[in-house]
Amino acid sequence: MKKEVFEQVYKDNVDKVQKYLYHKTRNSAVAEDLTSETFMRGFASSGPFQDRGIDPSRWIFRIAYSRLVDHYRVRQAISTERIEIVNPETTGEIAERNAMALKVREAVNQLKPEQRLAITGRYFESKRYKQIALETGRSSGSLRIAALRGLDRLKEILEDKI
């Protein structure tokens, strides 16, 4: 494939592919990695869509889907290995932690959308407010305020459940 053609495919699709992968993984770092892998793999094997007249967007999304499936296969294999080596004495602690995590997730889902966005990005995805602001188009100050208010609201919600 000519470099110029692939550059155009990249420009037309990189944001769409990254949003798709973020939506599926809920992790911006993983989505970025998978997006990079998608386009590297696409560049390496770019002949199929030109030779067969396949739409470039469909072709690149097929590669993205394949990378996503591979990602979850590897992740599942790692999870399976971890399950096998868990100490039976700690399973009660793990169950307690999982129950608490479920309560926190449910409480976060009760927050206003901006509060949920700020808290999820900052505390669950370990992003800085500036990064969240760039991704969402909101100011970092408004995200900080939303996070503080959301944390106060979470305390209220979780006091009843704990």
Protein backbone atom coordinates (compact mmCIF):
# COMPACT_ATOMS: atom_id res chain seq x y z
CA MET A 1 0.00 0.00 0.00
CA LYS A 2 1.22 3.45 -0.71
CA LYS A 3 2.23 5.46 2.30
CA GLU A 4 -0.10 8.34 1.37
CA VAL A 5 -3.12 6.05 1.14
CA PHE A 6 -2.42 4.52 4.53
CA GLU A 7 -1.88 7.97 6.05
CA GLN A 8 -5.35 8.92 4.86
CA VAL A 9 -6.83 5.72 6.29
CA TYR A 10 -5.08 6.54 9.57
CA LYS A 11 -6.29 10.15 9.66
CA ASP A 12 -9.87 9.13 8.85
CA ASN A 13 -10.08 6.34 11.40
CA VAL A 14 -7.65 6.74 14.32
CA ASP A 15 -10.07 8.65 16.55
CA LYS A 16 -12.97 6.33 15.75
CA VAL A 17 -10.90 3.21 16.43
CA GLN A 18 -9.56 4.60 19.70
CA LYS A 19 -13.06 5.56 20.89
CA TYR A 20 -14.34 2.10 19.95
CA LEU A 21 -11.52 0.39 21.84
CA TYR A 22 -11.91 2.68 24.86
CA HIS A 23 -15.63 1.93 24.93
CA LYS A 24 -14.88 -1.78 24.93
CA THR A 25 -12.01 -1.75 27.44
CA ARG A 26 -12.86 1.28 29.63
CA ASN A 27 -9.14 1.91 29.95
CA SER A 28 -7.52 4.71 27.96
CA ALA A 29 -3.98 3.27 28.16
CA VAL A 30 -5.11 -0.13 26.87
CA ALA A 31 -7.20 1.55 24.16
CA GLU A 32 -4.17 3.58 23.04
CA ASP A 33 -1.97 0.48 22.95
CA LEU A 34 -4.54 -1.51 20.99
CA THR A 35 -5.05 1.39 18.59
CA SER A 36 -1.30 1.54 17.92
CA GLU A 37 -1.16 -2.22 17.42
CA THR A 38 -4.15 -2.03 15.08
CA PHE A 39 -2.53 0.50 12.77
CA MET A 40 0.90 -1.17 12.92
CA ARG A 41 -0.68 -4.46 11.93
CA GLY A 42 -2.73 -2.68 9.28
CA PHE A 43 0.34 -1.03 7.80
CA ALA A 44 2.21 -4.35 7.75
CA SER A 45 -0.62 -6.13 5.91
CA SER A 46 -2.26 -3.35 3.97
CA GLY A 47 -2.75 -5.17 0.69
CA PRO A 48 -6.05 -7.00 1.40
CA PHE A 49 -8.41 -4.07 1.35
CA GLN A 50 -6.88 -2.56 -1.81
CA ASP A 51 -6.65 -5.87 -3.66
CA ARG A 52 -10.27 -6.85 -2.91
CA GLY A 53 -11.85 -3.43 -2.97
CA ILE A 54 -12.79 -3.60 0.73
CA ASP A 55 -13.75 -0.37 2.48
CA PRO A 56 -10.68 0.80 4.46
CA SER A 57 -12.73 1.67 7.55
CA ARG A 58 -14.29 -1.78 7.71
CA TRP A 59 -10.89 -3.36 7.15
CA ILE A 60 -9.18 -1.38 9.95
CA PHE A 61 -12.07 -2.01 12.37
CA ARG A 62 -11.79 -5.73 11.66
CA ILE A 63 -8.15 -5.54 12.69
CA ALA A 64 -9.11 -3.53 15.81
CA TYR A 65 -11.71 -6.14 16.74
CA SER A 66 -9.12 -8.88 16.28
CA ARG A 67 -6.64 -7.05 18.53
CA LEU A 68 -9.39 -6.59 21.15
CA VAL A 69 -10.22 -10.30 21.12
CA ASP A 70 -6.52 -11.17 21.45
CA HIS A 71 -6.22 -8.74 24.36
CA TYR A 72 -9.07 -10.41 26.24
CA ARG A 73 -7.75 -13.90 25.49
CA VAL A 74 -4.40 -13.04 27.04
CA ARG A 75 -6.09 -11.31 29.95
CA GLN A 76 -8.35 -14.32 30.55
CA ALA A 77 -5.36 -16.67 30.52
CA ILE A 78 -3.61 -14.49 33.10
CA SER A 79 -6.76 -14.39 35.24
CA THR A 80 -7.08 -18.17 35.06
CA GLU A 81 -3.47 -18.60 36.20
CA ARG A 82 -4.06 -16.28 39.14
CA ILE A 83 -7.19 -18.13 40.18
CA GLU A 84 -5.29 -21.40 40.33
CA ILE A 85 -2.67 -20.10 42.76
CA VAL A 86 -5.01 -18.32 45.19
CA ASN A 87 -4.54 -19.36 48.78
CA PRO A 88 -7.82 -20.88 50.08
CA GLU A 89 -7.40 -19.02 53.38
CA THR A 90 -7.62 -15.67 51.62
CA THR A 91 -10.76 -16.41 49.60
CA GLY A 92 -12.94 -14.92 52.35
CA GLU A 93 -10.95 -11.72 52.19
CA ILE A 94 -11.22 -11.69 48.42
CA ALA A 95 -14.97 -12.21 48.61
CA GLU A 96 -15.24 -9.30 51.05
CA ARG A 97 -13.17 -7.08 48.78
CA ASN A 98 -15.27 -8.04 45.76
CA ALA A 99 -18.48 -7.29 47.67
CA MET A 100 -17.11 -3.90 48.72
CA ALA A 101 -16.01 -3.15 45.14
CA LEU A 102 -19.51 -3.97 43.92
CA LYS A 103 -21.02 -1.58 46.49
CA VAL A 104 -18.62 1.16 45.42
CA ARG A 105 -19.42 0.59 41.72
CA GLU A 106 -23.15 0.77 42.45
CA ALA A 107 -22.63 3.96 44.46
CA VAL A 108 -20.55 5.53 41.68
CA ASN A 109 -23.34 4.74 39.21
CA GLN A 110 -25.72 6.80 41.37
CA LEU A 111 -23.62 9.95 40.94
CA LYS A 112 -24.29 12.74 38.46
CA PRO A 113 -22.57 12.08 35.11
CA GLU A 114 -19.86 14.75 35.56
CA GLN A 115 -19.08 13.51 39.08
CA ARG A 116 -18.93 9.93 37.83
CA LEU A 117 -16.63 10.95 34.96
CA ALA A 118 -14.26 12.88 37.25
CA ILE A 119 -14.09 10.16 39.93
CA THR A 120 -13.74 7.30 37.48
CA GLY A 121 -11.00 9.04 35.53
CA ARG A 122 -9.08 10.26 38.56
CA TYR A 123 -9.37 7.38 41.00
CA PHE A 124 -10.09 4.27 38.93
CA GLU A 125 -8.01 5.07 35.84
CA SER A 126 -5.32 7.12 37.70
CA LYS A 127 -5.51 10.02 35.27
CA ARG A 128 -4.64 13.60 36.06
CA TYR A 129 -7.40 16.18 35.88
CA LYS A 130 -5.64 17.86 32.95
CA GLN A 131 -5.74 14.62 30.98
CA ILE A 132 -9.44 14.08 31.74
CA ALA A 133 -10.11 17.68 30.75
CA LEU A 134 -8.38 17.19 27.40
CA GLU A 135 -10.33 14.01 26.71
CA THR A 136 -13.72 15.43 27.70
CA GLY A 137 -13.49 19.09 26.76
CA ARG A 138 -14.25 20.20 30.32
CA SER A 139 -12.03 22.40 32.46
CA SER A 140 -9.80 20.73 35.02
CA GLY A 141 -11.21 23.05 37.71
CA SER A 142 -14.78 21.94 37.07
CA LEU A 143 -13.64 18.32 37.14
CA ARG A 144 -11.94 18.83 40.52
CA ILE A 145 -15.08 20.37 41.96
CA ALA A 146 -17.21 17.58 40.50
CA ALA A 147 -14.85 14.98 42.00
CA LEU A 148 -14.98 16.60 45.45
CA ARG A 149 -18.76 16.81 45.38
CA GLY A 150 -18.94 13.27 44.07
CA LEU A 151 -16.71 11.99 46.87
CA ASP A 152 -18.94 13.71 49.44
CA ARG A 153 -21.98 12.10 47.82
CA LEU A 154 -20.25 8.69 47.76
CA LYS A 155 -19.60 8.96 51.50
CA GLU A 156 -23.31 9.59 52.07
CA ILE A 157 -24.38 6.69 49.86
CA LEU A 158 -21.84 4.24 51.29
CA GLU A 159 -22.53 5.09 54.95
CA ASP A 160 -25.89 3.38 54.56
CA LYS A 161 -24.41 0.28 52.89
CA ILE A 162 -21.37 -0.35 55.07
